[in-house]
């Protein structure tokens, strides 16, 4: 049951993290290039890292509330 909750949370947060990754890529593009371009590798990497961190933190907080940690 807990892994299903984690997977659903991961799937719910991925689109939000993807949009944040696009914004990060655009900001980096504004800083270092004269033309604006989206680096999709940076977008996916940022989205996955952010999503994993948010899911891990959510699971940790949930365990702490239950008294398992």
N, C-alpha and C. Protein backbone atom coordinates (compact mmCIF):
# COMPACT_ATOMS: atom_id res chain seq x y z
N UNK A 1 0.82 -1.20 0.00
CA UNK A 1 0.00 0.00 0.00
C UNK A 1 0.86 1.26 0.00
N UNK A 2 1.93 1.25 0.78
CA UNK A 2 2.78 2.42 0.87
C UNK A 2 3.49 2.70 -0.44
N UNK A 3 3.93 1.66 -1.15
CA UNK A 3 4.61 1.86 -2.42
C UNK A 3 3.64 2.40 -3.47
N UNK A 4 2.38 2.00 -3.39
CA UNK A 4 1.38 2.52 -4.33
C UNK A 4 1.15 4.01 -4.09
N UNK A 5 1.09 4.39 -2.82
CA UNK A 5 0.94 5.81 -2.49
C UNK A 5 2.13 6.62 -3.00
N UNK A 6 3.32 6.06 -2.82
CA UNK A 6 4.53 6.75 -3.27
C UNK A 6 4.54 6.90 -4.79
N UNK A 7 4.12 5.86 -5.49
CA UNK A 7 4.08 5.90 -6.95
C UNK A 7 3.06 6.92 -7.44
N UNK A 8 1.91 6.98 -6.79
CA UNK A 8 0.90 7.96 -7.17
C UNK A 8 1.38 9.39 -6.88
N UNK A 9 2.05 9.58 -5.77
CA UNK A 9 2.60 10.90 -5.45
C UNK A 9 3.65 11.29 -6.47
N UNK A 10 4.52 10.33 -6.85
CA UNK A 10 5.55 10.57 -7.85
C UNK A 10 4.90 10.97 -9.18
N UNK A 11 3.86 10.24 -9.59
CA UNK A 11 3.18 10.53 -10.86
C UNK A 11 2.46 11.87 -10.81
N UNK A 12 1.93 12.24 -9.67
CA UNK A 12 1.24 13.52 -9.53
C UNK A 12 2.21 14.69 -9.58
N UNK A 13 3.37 14.52 -8.96
CA UNK A 13 4.34 15.62 -8.87
C UNK A 13 5.20 15.77 -10.13
N UNK A 14 5.28 14.75 -10.99
CA UNK A 14 6.15 14.83 -12.15
C UNK A 14 5.80 15.97 -13.09
N UNK A 15 4.54 16.20 -13.46
CA UNK A 15 4.25 17.34 -14.35
C UNK A 15 4.64 18.69 -13.74
N UNK A 16 4.47 18.84 -12.45
CA UNK A 16 4.86 20.07 -11.79
C UNK A 16 6.38 20.23 -11.82
N UNK A 17 7.09 19.15 -11.54
CA UNK A 17 8.55 19.18 -11.59
C UNK A 17 9.03 19.40 -13.03
N UNK A 18 8.31 18.88 -14.01
CA UNK A 18 8.67 19.08 -15.41
C UNK A 18 8.58 20.56 -15.80
N UNK A 19 7.53 21.22 -15.36
CA UNK A 19 7.38 22.66 -15.65
C UNK A 19 8.50 23.44 -14.97
N UNK A 20 8.85 23.08 -13.76
CA UNK A 20 9.96 23.74 -13.06
C UNK A 20 11.26 23.49 -13.81
N UNK A 21 11.44 22.27 -14.34
CA UNK A 21 12.63 21.97 -15.14
C UNK A 21 12.71 22.81 -16.40
N UNK A 22 11.57 23.05 -17.05
CA UNK A 22 11.54 23.91 -18.24
C UNK A 22 11.95 25.33 -17.86
N UNK A 23 11.44 25.81 -16.73
CA UNK A 23 11.81 27.16 -16.28
C UNK A 23 13.30 27.25 -15.95
N UNK A 24 13.85 26.22 -15.34
CA UNK A 24 15.29 26.19 -15.03
C UNK A 24 16.10 26.21 -16.32
N UNK A 25 15.68 25.42 -17.30
CA UNK A 25 16.39 25.38 -18.57
C UNK A 25 16.32 26.73 -19.29
N UNK A 26 15.17 27.36 -19.24
CA UNK A 26 15.06 28.69 -19.86
C UNK A 26 15.93 29.72 -19.15
N UNK A 27 15.97 29.67 -17.84
CA UNK A 27 16.82 30.60 -17.09
C UNK A 27 18.29 30.39 -17.42
N UNK A 28 18.71 29.13 -17.50
CA UNK A 28 20.10 28.84 -17.88
C UNK A 28 20.38 29.31 -19.30
N UNK A 29 19.42 29.15 -20.18
CA UNK A 29 19.59 29.59 -21.56
C UNK A 29 19.71 31.10 -21.65
N UNK A 30 18.93 31.83 -20.87
CA UNK A 30 19.03 33.28 -20.84
C UNK A 30 20.39 33.74 -20.34
N UNK A 31 20.94 33.01 -19.38
CA UNK A 31 22.21 33.40 -18.77
C UNK A 31 23.40 33.15 -19.69
N UNK A 32 23.43 32.03 -20.40
CA UNK A 32 24.64 31.59 -21.08
C UNK A 32 24.59 31.60 -22.60
N UNK A 33 23.44 31.83 -23.22
CA UNK A 33 23.34 31.81 -24.68
C UNK A 33 22.67 33.09 -25.14
N UNK A 34 22.96 33.46 -26.38
CA UNK A 34 22.30 34.65 -26.90
C UNK A 34 20.92 34.34 -27.46
N UNK A 35 20.67 33.09 -27.88
CA UNK A 35 19.32 32.72 -28.30
C UNK A 35 18.70 31.80 -27.25
N UNK A 36 17.41 31.88 -27.13
CA UNK A 36 16.70 31.11 -26.11
C UNK A 36 16.39 29.73 -26.68
N UNK A 37 16.81 28.71 -25.95
CA UNK A 37 16.53 27.34 -26.35
C UNK A 37 16.32 26.49 -25.11
N UNK A 38 15.53 25.44 -25.26
CA UNK A 38 15.27 24.53 -24.15
C UNK A 38 16.13 23.29 -24.34
N UNK A 39 16.92 22.99 -23.33
CA UNK A 39 17.73 21.77 -23.34
C UNK A 39 16.90 20.69 -22.65
N UNK A 40 16.37 19.76 -23.43
CA UNK A 40 15.46 18.77 -22.89
C UNK A 40 16.13 17.80 -21.94
N UNK A 41 17.43 17.59 -22.10
CA UNK A 41 18.15 16.73 -21.16
C UNK A 41 18.19 17.37 -19.78
N UNK A 42 18.42 18.67 -19.73
CA UNK A 42 18.42 19.40 -18.46
C UNK A 42 17.02 19.39 -17.85
N UNK A 43 16.01 19.55 -18.68
CA UNK A 43 14.63 19.55 -18.20
C UNK A 43 14.28 18.21 -17.56
N UNK A 44 14.57 17.12 -18.24
CA UNK A 44 14.25 15.80 -17.70
C UNK A 44 15.06 15.49 -16.45
N UNK A 45 16.34 15.84 -16.46
CA UNK A 45 17.18 15.59 -15.29
C UNK A 45 16.67 16.38 -14.08
N UNK A 46 16.36 17.65 -14.28
CA UNK A 46 15.86 18.48 -13.18
C UNK A 46 14.51 17.97 -12.68
N UNK A 47 13.64 17.56 -13.58
CA UNK A 47 12.32 17.06 -13.19
C UNK A 47 12.44 15.76 -12.39
N UNK A 48 13.28 14.86 -12.84
CA UNK A 48 13.43 13.59 -12.14
C UNK A 48 14.06 13.78 -10.77
N UNK A 49 15.12 14.58 -10.70
CA UNK A 49 15.78 14.82 -9.41
C UNK A 49 14.83 15.51 -8.44
N UNK A 50 14.14 16.53 -8.89
CA UNK A 50 13.21 17.25 -8.03
C UNK A 50 12.07 16.34 -7.58
N UNK A 51 11.56 15.53 -8.49
CA UNK A 51 10.46 14.63 -8.15
C UNK A 51 10.89 13.56 -7.15
N UNK A 52 12.08 13.00 -7.33
CA UNK A 52 12.58 12.00 -6.39
C UNK A 52 12.78 12.62 -5.01
N UNK A 53 13.34 13.82 -4.96
CA UNK A 53 13.55 14.48 -3.67
C UNK A 53 12.23 14.79 -2.97
N UNK A 54 11.25 15.27 -3.72
CA UNK A 54 9.95 15.58 -3.12
C UNK A 54 9.24 14.32 -2.63
N UNK A 55 9.32 13.24 -3.40
CA UNK A 55 8.71 11.98 -3.00
C UNK A 55 9.39 11.42 -1.76
N UNK A 56 10.72 11.46 -1.73
CA UNK A 56 11.46 10.98 -0.57
C UNK A 56 11.10 11.77 0.68
N UNK A 57 11.02 13.09 0.54
CA UNK A 57 10.68 13.92 1.70
C UNK A 57 9.25 13.66 2.17
N UNK A 58 8.34 13.49 1.22
CA UNK A 58 6.95 13.20 1.58
C UNK A 58 6.85 11.88 2.33
N UNK A 59 7.55 10.84 1.85
CA UNK A 59 7.54 9.55 2.53
C UNK A 59 8.16 9.64 3.91
N UNK A 60 9.24 10.39 4.04
CA UNK A 60 9.90 10.55 5.34
C UNK A 60 8.98 11.25 6.32
N UNK A 61 8.31 12.30 5.88
CA UNK A 61 7.39 13.02 6.76
C UNK A 61 6.19 12.16 7.15
N UNK A 62 5.73 11.34 6.21
CA UNK A 62 4.60 10.46 6.50
C UNK A 62 5.00 9.40 7.53
N UNK A 63 6.19 8.85 7.40
CA UNK A 63 6.67 7.88 8.39
C UNK A 63 6.87 8.52 9.75
N UNK A 64 7.36 9.74 9.75
CA UNK A 64 7.57 10.44 11.02
C UNK A 64 6.25 10.69 11.74
N UNK A 65 5.21 11.01 10.99
CA UNK A 65 3.90 11.24 11.59
C UNK A 65 3.33 9.94 12.19
N UNK A 66 3.62 8.82 11.53
CA UNK A 66 3.14 7.54 12.03
C UNK A 66 3.97 7.04 13.21
N UNK A 67 5.16 7.60 13.39
CA UNK A 67 6.01 7.17 14.49
C UNK A 67 6.93 6.02 14.13
N UNK A 68 7.11 5.78 12.84
CA UNK A 68 7.97 4.69 12.40
C UNK A 68 9.42 5.10 12.32
N UNK A 69 9.71 6.36 12.33
CA UNK A 69 11.08 6.83 12.13
C UNK A 69 11.67 7.32 13.42
